C-alpha cells in the first residue's frame, strides 16, 4: 500500500486521505442541515466527483451523496462507466446507491461506517457490479459519530 506524505505531516494511506475528502463533503451537508453523508469519486489519484446529501434542499429522496458524486464523476469522464474509479463514502451505501454503482460499473467502493439498518450489506446479496471491490470501516468511528450526533440533536 502506498502512503501519502505532506511536508512534516505523517504519511497517511490513500484510503484515509480520500475518506477525509468525503468527510469534508459530509460536513458541508451538516452545515446545510442535511444528514451528514459525503462522497468523492477518485480516478488515478485525483478527485473527479464530489457530493453530499441534498435530499432536503432539492426535495428529492434520491439526492444522496453517492448519486451526486457518481453523476459528477461520469460528467467529468465524459462517459457513463467508472471502471477505474473508487467511490469513497462516509456511510455504507444504501441499496439504491449500491445499485447505481452497479450501473456505473464502479471499480471499488470504500466506505466509513457500516449501516446495519439501511446499508446494502444487510441484504446478504451481491448487488454491486461483480468486479467491484468493497472495503468498509475506514475511519469508521469518525464517520459514524457525524451521523449519530446529527440525529441526537434532531431528537
Protein backbone atom coordinates (compact mmCIF):
# COMPACT_ATOMS: atom_id res chain seq x y z
CA UNK A 1 0.00 0.00 0.00
CA UNK A 2 1.27 3.47 -0.91
CA UNK A 3 1.22 6.24 1.67
CA UNK A 4 0.96 9.95 1.03
CA UNK A 5 3.04 12.47 2.99
CA UNK A 6 2.69 16.24 3.04
CA UNK A 7 5.72 18.03 4.44
CA UNK A 8 6.05 17.45 8.19
CA UNK A 9 2.71 15.65 8.48
CA UNK A 10 2.77 11.88 9.00
CA UNK A 11 2.11 9.74 5.94
CA UNK A 12 -1.46 8.52 5.51
CA UNK A 13 -2.90 5.77 3.36
CA UNK A 14 -4.77 6.81 0.22
CA UNK A 15 -7.98 5.42 1.77
CA UNK A 16 -7.56 7.66 4.82
CA UNK A 17 -6.70 10.65 2.66
CA UNK A 18 -9.70 10.31 0.36
CA UNK A 19 -12.07 9.39 3.19
CA UNK A 20 -11.06 12.72 4.69
CA UNK A 21 -12.24 14.35 1.46
CA UNK A 22 -15.57 12.53 1.81
CA UNK A 23 -15.77 13.74 5.42
CA UNK A 24 -15.35 17.32 4.19
CA UNK A 25 -18.41 16.78 2.00
CA UNK A 26 -20.31 15.30 4.95
CA UNK A 27 -19.54 18.43 6.97
CA UNK A 28 -20.96 20.56 4.13
CA UNK A 29 -24.16 18.53 4.39
CA UNK A 30 -24.20 19.04 8.15
CA UNK A 31 -23.80 22.81 7.74
CA UNK A 32 -26.83 22.74 5.43
CA UNK A 33 -28.86 20.72 7.98
CA UNK A 34 -28.77 17.65 5.75
CA UNK A 35 -27.91 14.17 7.00
CA UNK A 36 -24.09 14.40 7.10
CA UNK A 37 -23.01 11.91 4.49
CA UNK A 38 -20.34 12.76 1.96
CA UNK A 39 -18.78 11.05 -1.04
CA UNK A 40 -15.98 11.52 -3.54
CA UNK A 41 -15.03 9.58 -6.65
CA UNK A 42 -11.31 9.17 -7.31
CA UNK A 43 -9.58 8.17 -10.53
CA UNK A 44 -5.80 7.83 -10.78
CA UNK A 45 -5.28 9.70 -7.52
CA UNK A 46 -7.49 12.65 -8.46
CA UNK A 47 -10.93 13.52 -7.08
CA UNK A 48 -13.20 13.72 -10.14
CA UNK A 49 -16.58 13.89 -8.41
CA UNK A 50 -17.85 15.22 -5.09
CA UNK A 51 -21.20 15.09 -3.40
CA UNK A 52 -23.08 15.30 -0.16
CA UNK A 53 -26.69 14.71 0.76
CA UNK A 54 -29.06 17.21 -0.84
CA UNK A 55 -32.36 15.45 -0.18
CA UNK A 56 -33.86 18.30 1.85
CA UNK A 57 -32.56 21.13 -0.31
CA UNK A 58 -33.70 19.51 -3.54
CA UNK A 59 -36.79 17.85 -2.02
CA UNK A 60 -35.56 14.69 -3.74
CA UNK A 61 -35.21 11.41 -1.88
CA UNK A 62 -32.69 10.18 -4.46
CA UNK A 63 -30.27 13.10 -3.94
CA UNK A 64 -27.85 11.03 -1.85
CA UNK A 65 -24.16 11.89 -1.60
CA UNK A 66 -23.15 8.91 -3.72
CA UNK A 67 -25.58 9.80 -6.52
CA UNK A 68 -24.23 13.37 -6.62
CA UNK A 69 -20.59 12.21 -6.70
CA UNK A 70 -21.16 9.45 -9.27
CA UNK A 71 -23.02 11.77 -11.63
CA UNK A 72 -20.31 14.45 -11.30
CA UNK A 73 -17.60 11.85 -11.98
CA UNK A 74 -19.36 10.48 -15.06
CA UNK A 75 -19.74 14.04 -16.38
CA UNK A 76 -16.03 14.66 -15.74
CA UNK A 77 -15.05 11.44 -17.52
CA UNK A 78 -17.38 12.11 -20.43
CA UNK A 79 -18.87 8.64 -20.15
CA UNK A 80 -21.16 6.57 -18.00
CA UNK A 81 -18.74 3.90 -16.76
CA UNK A 82 -16.35 4.37 -13.84
CA UNK A 83 -14.45 1.05 -14.01
CA UNK A 84 -11.12 2.55 -12.97
CA UNK A 85 -12.59 4.69 -10.20
CA UNK A 86 -13.09 4.38 -6.46
CA UNK A 87 -16.15 5.70 -4.65
CA UNK A 88 -15.37 6.88 -1.12
CA UNK A 89 -18.42 7.43 1.07
CA UNK A 90 -18.69 8.09 4.78
CA UNK A 91 -21.52 5.57 5.36
CA UNK A 92 -22.17 2.18 3.77
CA UNK A 93 -24.24 2.84 0.64
CA UNK A 94 -27.96 2.08 0.67
CA UNK A 95 -29.49 -0.36 -1.78
CA UNK A 96 -30.30 2.45 -4.26
CA UNK A 97 -26.75 3.80 -4.29
CA UNK A 98 -25.16 0.33 -4.41
CA UNK A 99 -27.43 -0.46 -7.35
CA UNK A 100 -26.37 2.75 -9.07
CA UNK A 101 -22.73 1.78 -8.54
CA UNK A 102 -23.52 -1.44 -10.44
CA UNK A 103 -24.74 0.51 -13.49
CA UNK A 104 -21.76 2.90 -13.33
CA UNK A 105 -19.52 -0.20 -13.02
CA UNK A 106 -17.53 1.39 -10.19
CA UNK A 107 -14.21 -0.42 -9.69
CA UNK A 108 -14.04 -0.05 -5.93
CA UNK A 109 -16.20 1.21 -3.07
CA UNK A 110 -14.59 2.31 0.18
CA UNK A 111 -16.92 3.32 2.99
CA UNK A 112 -16.53 4.53 6.54
CA UNK A 113 -19.25 3.39 8.94
CA UNK A 114 -21.40 0.32 8.45
CA UNK A 115 -25.15 0.94 8.28
CA UNK A 116 -26.88 -2.11 9.74
CA UNK A 117 -30.37 -0.65 9.17
CA UNK A 118 -30.17 0.70 5.61
CA UNK A 119 -26.83 -0.40 4.17
CA UNK A 120 -26.79 -2.71 1.18
CA UNK A 121 -24.73 -5.30 3.09
CA UNK A 122 -27.73 -6.30 5.20
CA UNK A 123 -29.28 -7.98 2.14
CA UNK A 124 -26.55 -10.62 2.01
CA UNK A 125 -26.65 -10.35 -1.77
CA UNK A 126 -24.15 -9.02 -4.27
CA UNK A 127 -25.94 -6.01 -5.79
CA UNK A 128 -22.80 -4.15 -6.79
CA UNK A 129 -21.01 -4.96 -10.04
CA UNK A 130 -19.34 -8.40 -9.89
CA UNK A 131 -15.88 -6.82 -10.35
CA UNK A 132 -16.39 -4.12 -7.69
CA UNK A 133 -14.05 -4.44 -4.72
CA UNK A 134 -15.59 -3.32 -1.41
CA UNK A 135 -13.79 -2.12 1.71
CA UNK A 136 -15.59 -0.93 4.84
CA UNK A 137 -14.64 0.54 8.18
CA UNK A 138 -12.22 3.27 7.05
CA UNK A 139 -12.32 5.99 9.72
CA UNK A 140 -15.47 4.27 10.93
CA UNK A 141 -15.82 5.98 14.30
CA UNK A 142 -15.42 9.48 12.88
CA UNK A 143 -17.91 8.82 10.10
CA UNK A 144 -20.47 7.23 12.43
CA UNK A 145 -20.18 9.99 15.02
CA UNK A 146 -21.16 12.68 12.50
CA UNK A 147 -24.44 10.91 11.78
CA UNK A 148 -25.06 9.93 15.42
CA UNK A 149 -24.62 13.48 16.67
CA UNK A 150 -26.82 14.85 13.87
CA UNK A 151 -29.75 12.64 14.84
CA UNK A 152 -29.17 13.16 18.55
CA UNK A 153 -29.65 16.91 18.04
CA UNK A 154 -32.80 16.27 15.99
CA UNK A 155 -34.46 14.27 18.79
